[in-house]
Amino acid sequence: MLRCPDFSRISATIAHPLEEMVLRGVEHCREYNPDLIVAVGGGSSIDTAKAIWILYERPDLKIGDINPFEELNLGRKAKLVAVPTTSGTGSEVTWAVVITRHREDGSEIKLELANREVVPNYAILDPVFTMKMPPNLTAATAFDALSHAYEGLIAVFRNDISEGVGIKSIELVREFLPIAYNNPDDIRAREALHNAATLAGLCFGNSQAIMGHSLGHALGAVFHKPHGFCVGLFLPYILQFQLNAENKKEIREIIAKVSKMLSLAKWSDDEETAIKKVFEDIRDLQEKVNFPRTIKDLGIAKADFEAKLEDIVNLTLESPSSELSDRPGNAEDYKKILEYAFEGKEIDW
């Protein structure tokens, strides 16, 4: 028998879902014992539902116990259905759960939790749910998907599956983001971006995200800025950092191949020319949708940024995604990347 709780008693999920919100949801589930949990919303809603599902099924666990190595045995009490209403996170097909925790010192950290069993049982992709997204949210979520795809293509666990779906995701975002941004009611553009987000989720779900998400999570946690804007603005900087690595020829080959496969460059172009075309394309797309290209474009004052710089670096170092980069960074690297990203300088080391 399918049982549904009284939804009037459950608060809506906010942009950065908090640990306390998850625990409140778990209490409701334990009171009602649902057979089905339905997550309708963006990545924050779906991640919240994932965490609630785990703790509802496993009352012996705390949220910090969620990790890739724990055998959860989910599905004995309930199934999880994800219905994304934004086109960005790909949470409906990934094993990731990002939840914000308040620390005793008043600071916040985004817990990057993961387990293979937490992928929803069903994902319903219907672009009609995204038709009312405003242009800025359309751009932010699409750049989240674009970052998932590019990062997934060059993560240490990259593979044939991540490459195939990642390249198609990039193709769809490039073509249809400007259309959806300028014509919100274009159902084909909405469908393409919705598919792109899920494909990008499958991409990094199979290979993982890298340091762009570590930096984006850290910046977002400190300054409470939208996730898509944070990871999207870091994308060109962290790609440059990865491509500048010594003895990492494969990364350059991958990005050059993507450039040629997407017809950004000609097949006859040399590697350097093809790579340059990728950066030109990302910047061009940012310009078309008024996307922030620097940290200061997010409205963060330099004095505030400098005062919180060490905190952002420390949070970045705590992120597991940073270690899944082909070229991991250290504290000095991240500090320098952040300083360059604040001003908009090219990463040249």
C-alpha atoms as a PDB file:
ATOM      1  CA  MET A   1       0.000   0.000   0.000  1.00  0.00           C
ATOM      2  CA  LEU A   2       1.286   3.489  -0.886  1.00  0.00           C
ATOM      3  CA  ARG A   3       1.199   5.937   1.995  1.00  0.00           C
ATOM      4  CA  CYS A   4       1.764   9.683   1.652  1.00  0.00           C
ATOM      5  CA  PRO A   5       2.552  12.130   4.471  1.00  0.00           C
ATOM      6  CA  ASP A   6       0.849  15.444   5.152  1.00  0.00           C
ATOM      7  CA  PHE A   7       3.017  17.689   2.957  1.00  0.00           C
ATOM      8  CA  SER A   8       1.798  20.834   4.743  1.00  0.00           C
ATOM      9  CA  ARG A   9       4.004  19.787   7.666  1.00  0.00           C
ATOM     10  CA  ILE A  10       7.177  19.604   5.612  1.00  0.00           C
ATOM     11  CA  SER A  11       9.054  22.804   4.851  1.00  0.00           C
ATOM     12  CA  ALA A  12      10.267  23.552   1.318  1.00  0.00           C
ATOM     13  CA  THR A  13      13.933  22.993   0.633  1.00  0.00           C
ATOM     14  CA  ILE A  14      16.175  26.063   0.469  1.00  0.00           C
ATOM     15  CA  ALA A  15      19.018  26.625  -2.003  1.00  0.00           C
ATOM     16  CA  HIS A  16      21.656  25.213   0.355  1.00  0.00           C
ATOM     17  CA  PRO A  17      19.947  22.316   2.169  1.00  0.00           C
ATOM     18  CA  LEU A  18      20.924  22.141   5.806  1.00  0.00           C
ATOM     19  CA  GLU A  19      21.638  19.122   7.953  1.00  0.00           C
ATOM     20  CA  GLU A  20      18.855  20.211  10.321  1.00  0.00           C
ATOM     21  CA  MET A  21      16.364  20.136   7.440  1.00  0.00           C
ATOM     22  CA  VAL A  22      17.337  16.570   6.613  1.00  0.00           C
ATOM     23  CA  LEU A  23      16.860  15.493  10.219  1.00  0.00           C
ATOM     24  CA  ARG A  24      13.442  17.138  10.313  1.00  0.00           C
ATOM     25  CA  GLY A  25      12.452  15.238   7.177  1.00  0.00           C
ATOM     26  CA  VAL A  26      13.657  11.983   8.697  1.00  0.00           C
ATOM     27  CA  GLU A  27      11.412  12.585  11.726  1.00  0.00           C
ATOM     28  CA  HIS A  28       8.388  13.008   9.444  1.00  0.00           C
ATOM     29  CA  CYS A  29       9.215   9.790   7.615  1.00  0.00           C
ATOM     30  CA  ARG A  30       9.600   7.838  10.824  1.00  0.00           C
ATOM     31  CA  GLU A  31       6.206   9.098  11.980  1.00  0.00           C
ATOM     32  CA  TYR A  32       4.453   8.134   8.763  1.00  0.00           C
ATOM     33  CA  ASN A  33       6.515   5.223   7.365  1.00  0.00           C
ATOM     34  CA  PRO A  34       6.128   6.061   3.646  1.00  0.00           C
ATOM     35  CA  ASP A  35       6.568   3.430   0.939  1.00  0.00           C
ATOM     36  CA  LEU A  36       7.601   6.061  -1.597  1.00  0.00           C
ATOM     37  CA  ILE A  37       9.621   9.261  -1.306  1.00  0.00           C
ATOM     38  CA  VAL A  38       9.203  11.706  -4.193  1.00  0.00           C
ATOM     39  CA  ALA A  39      11.743  14.491  -4.656  1.00  0.00           C
ATOM     40  CA  VAL A  40      10.384  17.315  -6.816  1.00  0.00           C
ATOM     41  CA  GLY A  41      12.705  20.266  -7.317  1.00  0.00           C
ATOM     42  CA  GLY A  42      16.267  21.190  -8.098  1.00  0.00           C
ATOM     43  CA  GLY A  43      19.417  19.489  -6.911  1.00  0.00           C
ATOM     44  CA  SER A  44      18.970  20.762  -3.373  1.00  0.00           C
ATOM     45  CA  SER A  45      15.553  19.120  -3.068  1.00  0.00           C
ATOM     46  CA  ILE A  46      16.772  15.857  -4.548  1.00  0.00           C
ATOM     47  CA  ASP A  47      19.895  15.766  -2.366  1.00  0.00           C
ATOM     48  CA  THR A  48      17.767  16.455   0.702  1.00  0.00           C
ATOM     49  CA  ALA A  49      15.467  13.585  -0.214  1.00  0.00           C
ATOM     50  CA  LYS A  50      18.433  11.269  -0.754  1.00  0.00           C
ATOM     51  CA  ALA A  51      19.796  12.001   2.716  1.00  0.00           C
ATOM     52  CA  ILE A  52      16.346  11.615   4.281  1.00  0.00           C
ATOM     53  CA  TRP A  53      15.910   8.283   2.488  1.00  0.00           C
ATOM     54  CA  ILE A  54      19.192   6.934   3.833  1.00  0.00           C
ATOM     55  CA  LEU A  55      18.603   7.953   7.441  1.00  0.00           C
ATOM     56  CA  TYR A  56      14.979   6.797   7.325  1.00  0.00           C
ATOM     57  CA  GLU A  57      16.076   3.351   6.159  1.00  0.00           C
ATOM     58  CA  ARG A  58      19.133   3.275   8.404  1.00  0.00           C
ATOM     59  CA  PRO A  59      18.309   4.855  11.795  1.00  0.00           C
ATOM     60  CA  ASP A  60      21.635   3.585  13.106  1.00  0.00           C
ATOM     61  CA  LEU A  61      23.555   6.028  10.903  1.00  0.00           C
ATOM     62  CA  LYS A  62      24.348   9.722  11.240  1.00  0.00           C
ATOM     63  CA  ILE A  63      24.629  11.937   8.184  1.00  0.00           C
ATOM     64  CA  GLY A  64      28.421  11.941   8.419  1.00  0.00           C
ATOM     65  CA  ASP A  65      28.410   8.148   8.135  1.00  0.00           C
ATOM     66  CA  ILE A  66      27.291   8.287   4.502  1.00  0.00           C
ATOM     67  CA  ASN A  67      30.299   7.235   2.435  1.00  0.00           C
ATOM     68  CA  PRO A  68      31.104   5.159  -0.656  1.00  0.00           C
ATOM     69  CA  PHE A  69      32.177   2.134   1.395  1.00  0.00           C
ATOM     70  CA  GLU A  70      29.084   1.644   3.578  1.00  0.00           C
ATOM     71  CA  GLU A  71      26.636  -1.082   2.518  1.00  0.00           C
ATOM     72  CA  LEU A  72      23.293   0.645   3.009  1.00  0.00           C
ATOM     73  CA  ASN A  73      20.784  -1.950   1.734  1.00  0.00           C
ATOM     74  CA  LEU A  74      18.336   0.750   0.702  1.00  0.00           C
ATOM     75  CA  GLY A  75      14.882   0.048  -0.662  1.00  0.00           C
ATOM     76  CA  ARG A  76      13.578  -2.214   2.100  1.00  0.00           C
ATOM     77  CA  LYS A  77      11.266   0.485   3.424  1.00  0.00           C
ATOM     78  CA  ALA A  78      10.801   2.861   0.492  1.00  0.00           C
ATOM     79  CA  LYS A  79      11.725   3.713  -3.069  1.00  0.00           C
ATOM     80  CA  LEU A  80      12.976   7.122  -4.209  1.00  0.00           C
ATOM     81  CA  VAL A  81      11.637   8.967  -7.261  1.00  0.00           C
ATOM     82  CA  ALA A  82      13.419  12.121  -8.487  1.00  0.00           C
ATOM     83  CA  VAL A  83      11.625  14.715 -10.607  1.00  0.00           C
ATOM     84  CA  PRO A  84      14.111  17.512 -11.417  1.00  0.00           C
ATOM     85  CA  THR A  85      12.643  20.959 -12.046  1.00  0.00           C
ATOM     86  CA  THR A  86      15.957  22.584 -12.984  1.00  0.00           C
ATOM     87  CA  SER A  87      18.463  21.540 -15.634  1.00  0.00           C
ATOM     88  CA  GLY A  88      21.809  21.465 -13.895  1.00  0.00           C
ATOM     89  CA  THR A  89      22.798  19.163 -11.075  1.00  0.00           C
ATOM     90  CA  GLY A  90      22.027  15.758 -12.557  1.00  0.00           C
ATOM     91  CA  SER A  91      21.313  14.631  -8.985  1.00  0.00           C
ATOM     92  CA  GLU A  92      18.530  12.401 -10.269  1.00  0.00           C
ATOM     93  CA  VAL A  93      21.149   9.984 -11.675  1.00  0.00           C
ATOM     94  CA  THR A  94      24.147  10.432  -9.381  1.00  0.00           C
ATOM     95  CA  TRP A  95      25.406   8.931  -6.141  1.00  0.00           C
ATOM     96  CA  ALA A  96      26.274  12.342  -4.691  1.00  0.00           C
ATOM     97  CA  VAL A  97      24.553  14.052  -1.744  1.00  0.00           C
ATOM     98  CA  VAL A  98      25.645  17.604  -0.895  1.00  0.00           C
ATOM     99  CA  ILE A  99      24.357  18.891   2.445  1.00  0.00           C
ATOM    100  CA  THR A 100      25.381  22.039   4.334  1.00  0.00           C
ATOM    101  CA  ARG A 101      26.499  21.687   7.946  1.00  0.00           C
ATOM    102  CA  HIS A 102      26.671  24.506  10.494  1.00  0.00           C
ATOM    103  CA  ARG A 103      29.862  24.277  12.529  1.00  0.00           C
ATOM    104  CA  GLU A 104      30.195  25.292  16.157  1.00  0.00           C
ATOM    105  CA  ASP A 105      32.322  28.299  15.215  1.00  0.00           C
ATOM    106  CA  GLY A 106      29.486  29.661  13.072  1.00  0.00           C
ATOM    107  CA  SER A 107      31.036  28.686   9.734  1.00  0.00           C
ATOM    108  CA  GLU A 108      29.479  26.336   7.193  1.00  0.00           C
ATOM    109  CA  ILE A 109      30.828  23.427   5.183  1.00  0.00           C
ATOM    110  CA  LYS A 110      29.238  21.538   2.323  1.00  0.00           C
ATOM    111  CA  LEU A 111      29.418  17.840   3.105  1.00  0.00           C
ATOM    112  CA  GLU A 112      30.192  15.944  -0.091  1.00  0.00           C
ATOM    113  CA  LEU A 113      28.603  12.578   0.646  1.00  0.00           C
ATOM    114  CA  ALA A 114      28.280   9.655  -1.740  1.00  0.00           C
ATOM    115  CA  ASN A 115      27.136   6.066  -2.006  1.00  0.00           C
ATOM    116  CA  ARG A 116      26.238   3.983  -5.056  1.00  0.00           C
ATOM    117  CA  GLU A 117      22.941   2.876  -3.519  1.00  0.00           C
ATOM    118  CA  VAL A 118      21.615   6.413  -3.214  1.00  0.00           C
ATOM    119  CA  VAL A 119      20.953   6.835  -6.942  1.00  0.00           C
ATOM    120  CA  PRO A 120      17.145   7.284  -7.149  1.00  0.00           C
ATOM    121  CA  ASN A 121      15.158   4.249  -8.224  1.00  0.00           C
ATOM    122  CA  TYR A 122      13.368   6.306 -10.853  1.00  0.00           C
ATOM    123  CA  ALA A 123      14.034   9.646 -12.550  1.00  0.00           C
ATOM    124  CA  ILE A 124      11.259  11.466 -14.392  1.00  0.00           C
ATOM    125  CA  LEU A 125      12.567  13.997 -16.916  1.00  0.00           C
ATOM    126  CA  ASP A 126       9.904  16.358 -18.186  1.00  0.00           C
ATOM    127  CA  PRO A 127      10.989  19.771 -19.520  1.00  0.00           C
ATOM    128  CA  VAL A 128       7.580  21.241 -18.707  1.00  0.00           C
ATOM    129  CA  PHE A 129       8.780  21.595 -15.114  1.00  0.00           C
ATOM    130  CA  THR A 130      11.575  23.950 -16.228  1.00  0.00           C
ATOM    131  CA  MET A 131       9.503  26.329 -18.345  1.00  0.00           C
ATOM    132  CA  LYS A 132       9.194  28.966 -15.614  1.00  0.00           C
ATOM    133  CA  MET A 133      12.907  29.126 -14.805  1.00  0.00           C
ATOM    134  CA  PRO A 134      14.130  32.755 -15.063  1.00  0.00           C
ATOM    135  CA  PRO A 135      17.096  33.503 -17.366  1.00  0.00           C
ATOM    136  CA  ASN A 136      19.698  33.796 -14.589  1.00  0.00           C
ATOM    137  CA  LEU A 137      18.699  30.435 -13.095  1.00  0.00           C
ATOM    138  CA  THR A 138      18.685  28.892 -16.563  1.00  0.00           C
ATOM    139  CA  ALA A 139      22.252  30.077 -17.092  1.00  0.00           C
ATOM    140  CA  ALA A 140      23.482  29.068 -13.631  1.00  0.00           C
ATOM    141  CA  THR A 141      22.102  25.541 -13.816  1.00  0.00           C
ATOM    142  CA  ALA A 142      23.274  24.999 -17.394  1.00  0.00           C
ATOM    143  CA  PHE A 143      26.824  25.996 -16.449  1.00  0.00           C
ATOM    144  CA  ASP A 144      26.647  23.549 -13.566  1.00  0.00           C
ATOM    145  CA  ALA A 145      25.918  20.848 -16.140  1.00  0.00           C
ATOM    146  CA  LEU A 146      28.660  22.137 -18.443  1.00  0.00           C
ATOM    147  CA  SER A 147      31.138  22.023 -15.560  1.00  0.00           C
ATOM    148  CA  HIS A 148      30.061  18.470 -14.686  1.00  0.00           C
ATOM    149  CA  ALA A 149      30.732  17.391 -18.253  1.00  0.00           C
ATOM    150  CA  TYR A 150      34.124  19.047 -18.681  1.00  0.00           C
ATOM    151  CA  GLU A 151      35.310  17.992 -15.228  1.00  0.00           C
ATOM    152  CA  GLY A 152      34.046  14.452 -15.739  1.00  0.00           C
ATOM    153  CA  LEU A 153      35.916  14.195 -19.025  1.00  0.00           C
ATOM    154  CA  ILE A 154      39.290  14.790 -17.349  1.00  0.00           C
ATOM    155  CA  ALA A 155      38.769  13.354 -13.837  1.00  0.00           C
ATOM    156  CA  VAL A 156      41.136  10.587 -12.749  1.00  0.00           C
ATOM    157  CA  PHE A 157      38.394   7.951 -13.147  1.00  0.00           C
ATOM    158  CA  ARG A 158      37.469   9.049 -16.698  1.00  0.00           C
ATOM    159  CA  ASN A 159      36.292   6.250 -18.964  1.00  0.00           C
ATOM    160  CA  ASP A 160      34.486   5.485 -22.218  1.00  0.00           C
ATOM    161  CA  ILE A 161      31.035   6.014 -20.699  1.00  0.00           C
ATOM    162  CA  SER A 162      31.867   9.384 -19.156  1.00  0.00           C
ATOM    163  CA  GLU A 163      33.441  10.545 -22.406  1.00  0.00           C
ATOM    164  CA  GLY A 164      30.456   9.617 -24.562  1.00  0.00           C
ATOM    165  CA  VAL A 165      27.750  11.245 -22.462  1.00  0.00           C
ATOM    166  CA  GLY A 166      29.976  14.169 -21.475  1.00  0.00           C
ATOM    167  CA  ILE A 167      30.632  15.294 -25.027  1.00  0.00           C
ATOM    168  CA  LYS A 168      26.946  15.073 -25.943  1.00  0.00           C
ATOM    169  CA  SER A 169      26.052  17.118 -22.867  1.00  0.00           C
ATOM    170  CA  ILE A 170      28.475  19.869 -23.853  1.00  0.00           C
ATOM    171  CA  GLU A 171      27.062  19.891 -27.369  1.00  0.00           C
ATOM    172  CA  LEU A 172      23.507  20.367 -26.094  1.00  0.00           C
ATOM    173  CA  VAL A 173      24.388  23.113 -23.604  1.00  0.00           C
ATOM    174  CA  ARG A 174      26.370  25.045 -26.220  1.00  0.00           C
ATOM    175  CA  GLU A 175      23.562  24.959 -28.736  1.00  0.00           C
ATOM    176  CA  PHE A 176      20.482  25.371 -26.595  1.00  0.00           C
ATOM    177  CA  LEU A 177      21.439  27.499 -23.572  1.00  0.00           C
ATOM    178  CA  PRO A 178      21.351  30.802 -25.518  1.00  0.00           C
ATOM    179  CA  ILE A 179      17.979  29.814 -26.982  1.00  0.00           C
ATOM    180  CA  ALA A 180      16.420  28.942 -23.619  1.00  0.00           C
ATOM    181  CA  TYR A 181      17.972  32.032 -22.035  1.00  0.00           C
ATOM    182  CA  ASN A 182      16.394  34.354 -24.592  1.00  0.00           C
ATOM    183  CA  ASN A 183      13.238  32.339 -25.283  1.00  0.00           C
ATOM    184  CA  PRO A 184      12.171  30.664 -22.015  1.00  0.00           C
ATOM    185  CA  ASP A 185       9.104  29.065 -23.617  1.00  0.00           C
ATOM    186  CA  ASP A 186      11.066  27.178 -26.284  1.00  0.00           C
ATOM    187  CA  ILE A 187      10.174  23.607 -25.337  1.00  0.00           C
ATOM    188  CA  ARG A 188      12.870  22.030 -27.524  1.00  0.00           C
ATOM    189  CA  ALA A 189      15.575  24.122 -25.873  1.00  0.00           C
ATOM    190  CA  ARG A 190      14.219  23.236 -22.432  1.00  0.00           C
ATOM    191  CA  GLU A 191      14.161  19.552 -23.334  1.00  0.00           C
ATOM    192  CA  ALA A 192      17.733  19.679 -24.634  1.00  0.00           C
ATOM    193  CA  LEU A 193      19.060  21.375 -21.492  1.00  0.00           C
ATOM    194  CA  HIS A 194      17.143  18.932 -19.286  1.00  0.00           C
ATOM    195  CA  ASN A 195      18.698  16.019 -21.153  1.00  0.00           C
ATOM    196  CA  ALA A 196      22.108  17.699 -21.047  1.00  0.00           C
ATOM    197  CA  ALA A 197      21.963  17.990 -17.264  1.00  0.00           C
ATOM    198  CA  THR A 198      21.137  14.310 -16.862  1.00  0.00           C
ATOM    199  CA  LEU A 199      23.837  13.277 -19.341  1.00  0.00           C
ATOM    200  CA  ALA A 200      26.340  15.430 -17.451  1.00  0.00           C
ATOM    201  CA  GLY A 201      25.213  13.757 -14.227  1.00  0.00           C
ATOM    202  CA  LEU A 202      25.895  10.374 -15.803  1.00  0.00           C
ATOM    203  CA  CYS A 203      29.271  11.693 -16.954  1.00  0.00           C
ATOM    204  CA  PHE A 204      30.644  12.823 -13.615  1.00  0.00           C
ATOM    205  CA  GLY A 205      28.681  10.120 -11.813  1.00  0.00           C
ATOM    206  CA  ASN A 206      30.866   7.615 -13.638  1.00  0.00           C
ATOM    207  CA  SER A 207      34.151   9.527 -13.381  1.00  0.00           C
ATOM    208  CA  GLN A 208      33.669  12.173 -10.637  1.00  0.00           C
ATOM    209  CA  ALA A 209      33.920  15.953 -10.444  1.00  0.00           C
ATOM    210  CA  ILE A 210      37.245  17.655  -9.769  1.00  0.00           C
ATOM    211  CA  MET A 211      38.675  20.796  -8.183  1.00  0.00           C
ATOM    212  CA  GLY A 212      36.233  23.191  -9.840  1.00  0.00           C
ATOM    213  CA  HIS A 213      33.533  21.775  -7.603  1.00  0.00           C
ATOM    214  CA  SER A 214      35.810  21.892  -4.572  1.00  0.00           C
ATOM    215  CA  LEU A 215      36.422  25.597  -5.148  1.00  0.00           C
ATOM    216  CA  GLY A 216      32.770  26.236  -6.044  1.00  0.00           C
ATOM    217  CA  HIS A 217      31.453  24.494  -2.942  1.00  0.00           C
ATOM    218  CA  ALA A 218      33.907  26.380  -0.745  1.00  0.00           C
ATOM    219  CA  LEU A 219      33.143  29.793  -2.242  1.00  0.00           C
ATOM    220  CA  GLY A 220      29.400  29.116  -2.103  1.00  0.00           C
ATOM    221  CA  ALA A 221      29.545  27.982   1.516  1.00  0.00           C
ATOM    222  CA  VAL A 222      31.415  31.106   2.628  1.00  0.00           C
ATOM    223  CA  PHE A 223      29.536  33.733   0.603  1.00  0.00           C
ATOM    224  CA  HIS A 224      26.194  31.955   0.010  1.00  0.00           C
ATOM    225  CA  LYS A 225      26.298  32.360  -3.748  1.00  0.00           C
ATOM    226  CA  PRO A 226      24.411  30.088  -6.195  1.00  0.00           C
ATOM    227  CA  HIS A 227      26.209  26.821  -6.860  1.00  0.00           C
ATOM    228  CA  GLY A 228      25.985  27.032 -10.660  1.00  0.00           C
ATOM    229  CA  PHE A 229      27.530  30.494 -10.761  1.00  0.00           C
ATOM    230  CA  CYS A 230      30.383  29.399  -8.492  1.00  0.00           C
ATOM    231  CA  VAL A 231      31.419  26.246 -10.327  1.00  0.00           C
ATOM    232  CA  GLY A 232      30.750  27.789 -13.734  1.00  0.00           C
ATOM    233  CA  LEU A 233      33.011  30.779 -13.227  1.00  0.00           C
ATOM    234  CA  PHE A 234      35.838  28.498 -12.057  1.00  0.00           C
ATOM    235  CA  LEU A 235      35.579  26.247 -15.128  1.00  0.00           C
ATOM    236  CA  PRO A 236      38.044  28.075 -17.419  1.00  0.00           C
ATOM    237  CA  TYR A 237      40.536  28.601 -14.588  1.00  0.00           C
ATOM    238  CA  ILE A 238      40.677  24.987 -13.440  1.00  0.00           C
ATOM    239  CA  LEU A 239      40.843  23.743 -17.048  1.00  0.00           C
ATOM    240  CA  GLN A 240      43.868  25.965 -17.574  1.00  0.00           C
ATOM    241  CA  PHE A 241      45.433  24.658 -14.380  1.00  0.00           C
ATOM    242  CA  GLN A 242      44.944  21.056 -15.491  1.00  0.00           C
ATOM    243  CA  LEU A 243      46.203  21.682 -19.012  1.00  0.00           C
ATOM    244  CA  ASN A 244      49.357  23.393 -17.747  1.00  0.00           C
ATOM    245  CA  ALA A 245      50.472  20.289 -15.869  1.00  0.00           C
ATOM    246  CA  GLU A 246      53.788  18.789 -16.892  1.00  0.00           C
ATOM    247  CA  ASN A 247      53.751  15.237 -18.264  1.00  0.00           C
ATOM    248  CA  LYS A 248      49.950  15.205 -18.538  1.00  0.00           C
ATOM    249  CA  LYS A 249      49.611  14.929 -22.309  1.00  0.00           C
ATOM    250  CA  GLU A 250      46.384  12.931 -22.143  1.00  0.00           C
ATOM    251  CA  ILE A 251      44.404  15.863 -20.716  1.00  0.00           C
ATOM    252  CA  ARG A 252      45.497  18.063 -23.604  1.00  0.00           C
ATOM    253  CA  GLU A 253      44.591  15.330 -26.076  1.00  0.00           C
ATOM    254  CA  ILE A 254      41.117  14.960 -24.554  1.00  0.00           C
ATOM    255  CA  ILE A 255      40.287  18.668 -24.659  1.00  0.00           C
ATOM    256  CA  ALA A 256      41.666  19.016 -28.191  1.00  0.00           C
ATOM    257  CA  LYS A 257      39.546  16.053 -29.317  1.00  0.00           C
ATOM    258  CA  VAL A 258      36.427  17.555 -27.728  1.00  0.00           C
ATOM    259  CA  SER A 259      37.120  20.794 -29.595  1.00  0.00           C
ATOM    260  CA  LYS A 260      37.329  18.989 -32.919  1.00  0.00           C
ATOM    261  CA  MET A 261      34.366  16.682 -32.290  1.00  0.00           C
ATOM    262  CA  LEU A 262      32.178  19.704 -31.522  1.00  0.00           C
ATOM    263  CA  SER A 263      33.476  21.506 -34.634  1.00  0.00           C
ATOM    264  CA  LEU A 264      35.015  24.284 -32.582  1.00  0.00           C
ATOM    265  CA  ALA A 265      38.276  23.484 -34.328  1.00  0.00           C
ATOM    266  CA  LYS A 266      39.082  21.769 -37.609  1.00  0.00           C
ATOM    267  CA  TRP A 267      40.428  18.226 -37.603  1.00  0.00           C
ATOM    268  CA  SER A 268      43.516  19.589 -39.303  1.00  0.00           C
ATOM    269  CA  ASP A 269      44.196  22.126 -36.516  1.00  0.00           C
ATOM    270  CA  ASP A 270      47.115  21.528 -34.183  1.00  0.00           C
ATOM    271  CA  GLU A 271      46.504  20.676 -30.528  1.00  0.00           C
ATOM    272  CA  GLU A 272      47.184  24.159 -29.177  1.00  0.00           C
ATOM    273  CA  THR A 273      44.768  25.784 -31.622  1.00  0.00           C
ATOM    274  CA  ALA A 274      42.040  23.273 -30.793  1.00  0.00           C
ATOM    275  CA  ILE A 275      42.452  23.832 -27.049  1.00  0.00           C
ATOM    276  CA  LYS A 276      42.344  27.593 -27.495  1.00  0.00           C
ATOM    277  CA  LYS A 277      39.005  27.238 -29.292  1.00  0.00           C
ATOM    278  CA  VAL A 278      37.493  25.540 -26.222  1.00  0.00           C
ATOM    279  CA  PHE A 279      38.339  28.499 -24.005  1.00  0.00           C
ATOM    280  CA  GLU A 280      37.031  30.947 -26.587  1.00  0.00           C
ATOM    281  CA  ASP A 281      33.805  28.959 -26.752  1.00  0.00           C
ATOM    282  CA  ILE A 282      33.292  28.889 -22.966  1.00  0.00           C
ATOM    283  CA  ARG A 283      33.921  32.635 -22.701  1.00  0.00           C
ATOM    284  CA  ASP A 284      31.613  33.318 -25.635  1.00  0.00           C
ATOM    285  CA  LEU A 285      28.830  31.293 -24.004  1.00  0.00           C
ATOM    286  CA  GLN A 286      29.338  33.136 -20.718  1.00  0.00           C
ATOM    287  CA  GLU A 287      29.020  36.446 -22.538  1.00  0.00           C
ATOM    288  CA  LYS A 288      25.842  35.399 -24.356  1.00  0.00           C
ATOM    289  CA  VAL A 289      24.026  34.680 -21.084  1.00  0.00           C
ATOM    290  CA  ASN A 290      25.552  37.412 -18.888  1.00  0.00           C
ATOM    291  CA  PHE A 291      27.362  34.835 -16.789  1.00  0.00           C
ATOM    292  CA  PRO A 292      29.859  35.974 -14.097  1.00  0.00           C
ATOM    293  CA  ARG A 293      33.425  35.461 -15.283  1.00  0.00           C
ATOM    294  CA  THR A 294      35.187  36.476 -12.080  1.00  0.00           C
ATOM    295  CA  ILE A 295      34.573  36.229  -8.351  1.00  0.00           C
ATOM    296  CA  LYS A 296      34.137  39.983  -8.120  1.00  0.00           C
ATOM    297  CA  ASP A 297      31.377  39.689 -10.749  1.00  0.00           C
ATOM    298  CA  LEU A 298      29.388  37.857  -8.070  1.00  0.00           C
ATOM    299  CA  GLY A 299      29.266  41.089  -6.078  1.00  0.00           C
ATOM    300  CA  ILE A 300      31.930  40.059  -3.570  1.00  0.00           C
ATOM    301  CA  ALA A 301      34.039  42.983  -2.385  1.00  0.00           C
ATOM    302  CA  LYS A 302      37.804  42.573  -2.470  1.00  0.00           C
ATOM    303  CA  ALA A 303      38.169  43.275   1.240  1.00  0.00           C
ATOM    304  CA  ASP A 304      35.592  40.607   2.090  1.00  0.00           C
ATOM    305  CA  PHE A 305      37.236  38.162  -0.297  1.00  0.00           C
ATOM    306  CA  GLU A 306      40.675  38.698   1.185  1.00  0.00           C
ATOM    307  CA  ALA A 307      39.335  38.369   4.714  1.00  0.00           C
ATOM    308  CA  LYS A 308      37.806  34.971   3.881  1.00  0.00           C
ATOM    309  CA  LEU A 309      40.472  33.704   1.484  1.00  0.00           C
ATOM    310  CA  GLU A 310      42.116  31.304   3.945  1.00  0.00           C
ATOM    311  CA  ASP A 311      38.731  29.893   4.935  1.00  0.00           C
ATOM    312  CA  ILE A 312      37.892  29.193   1.280  1.00  0.00           C
ATOM    313  CA  VAL A 313      41.267  27.516   0.742  1.00  0.00           C
ATOM    314  CA  ASN A 314      40.829  25.328   3.819  1.00  0.00           C
ATOM    315  CA  LEU A 315      37.340  24.244   2.761  1.00  0.00           C
ATOM    316  CA  THR A 316      38.655  23.451  -0.717  1.00  0.00           C
ATOM    317  CA  LEU A 317      41.337  21.228   0.773  1.00  0.00           C
ATOM    318  CA  GLU A 318      38.690  19.340   2.767  1.00  0.00           C
ATOM    319  CA  SER A 319      36.763  18.502  -0.394  1.00  0.00           C
ATOM    320  CA  PRO A 320      37.344  14.980  -1.768  1.00  0.00           C
ATOM    321  CA  SER A 321      36.760  16.253  -5.310  1.00  0.00           C
ATOM    322  CA  SER A 322      40.041  18.152  -5.162  1.00  0.00           C
ATOM    323  CA  GLU A 323      41.954  14.872  -4.988  1.00  0.00           C
ATOM    324  CA  LEU A 324      40.142  13.437  -8.009  1.00  0.00           C
ATOM    325  CA  SER A 325      41.795  16.002 -10.274  1.00  0.00           C
ATOM    326  CA  ASP A 326      44.476  14.715 -12.608  1.00  0.00           C
ATOM    327  CA  ARG A 327      46.622  17.542 -11.277  1.00  0.00           C
ATOM    328  CA  PRO A 328      45.680  18.022  -7.602  1.00  0.00           C
ATOM    329  CA  GLY A 329      46.380  21.380  -6.026  1.00  0.00           C
ATOM    330  CA  ASN A 330      47.891  22.348  -2.688  1.00  0.00           C
ATOM    331  CA  ALA A 331      46.998  25.273  -0.447  1.00  0.00           C
ATOM    332  CA  GLU A 332      49.233  27.690  -2.340  1.00  0.00           C
ATOM    333  CA  ASP A 333      47.789  26.570  -5.692  1.00  0.00           C
ATOM    334  CA  TYR A 334      44.212  27.103  -4.541  1.00  0.00           C
ATOM    335  CA  LYS A 335      45.006  30.480  -3.052  1.00  0.00           C
ATOM    336  CA  LYS A 336      46.564  31.569  -6.306  1.00  0.00           C
ATOM    337  CA  ILE A 337      43.705  30.200  -8.427  1.00  0.00           C
ATOM    338  CA  LEU A 338      41.219  32.073  -6.252  1.00  0.00           C
ATOM    339  CA  GLU A 339      43.185  35.316  -6.534  1.00  0.00           C
ATOM    340  CA  TYR A 340      43.432  34.930 -10.310  1.00  0.00           C
ATOM    341  CA  ALA A 341      39.711  34.096 -10.553  1.00  0.00           C
ATOM    342  CA  PHE A 342      38.842  37.185  -8.525  1.00  0.00           C
ATOM    343  CA  GLU A 343      40.580  39.457 -11.013  1.00  0.00           C
ATOM    344  CA  GLY A 344      40.007  37.395 -14.164  1.00  0.00           C
ATOM    345  CA  LYS A 345      43.654  36.583 -14.874  1.00  0.00           C
ATOM    346  CA  GLU A 346      44.695  33.625 -17.028  1.00  0.00           C
ATOM    347  CA  ILE A 347      46.187  30.673 -15.133  1.00  0.00           C
ATOM    348  CA  ASP A 348      49.707  30.558 -16.538  1.00  0.00           C
ATOM    349  CA  TRP A 349      51.498  28.076 -14.331  1.00  0.00           C
END
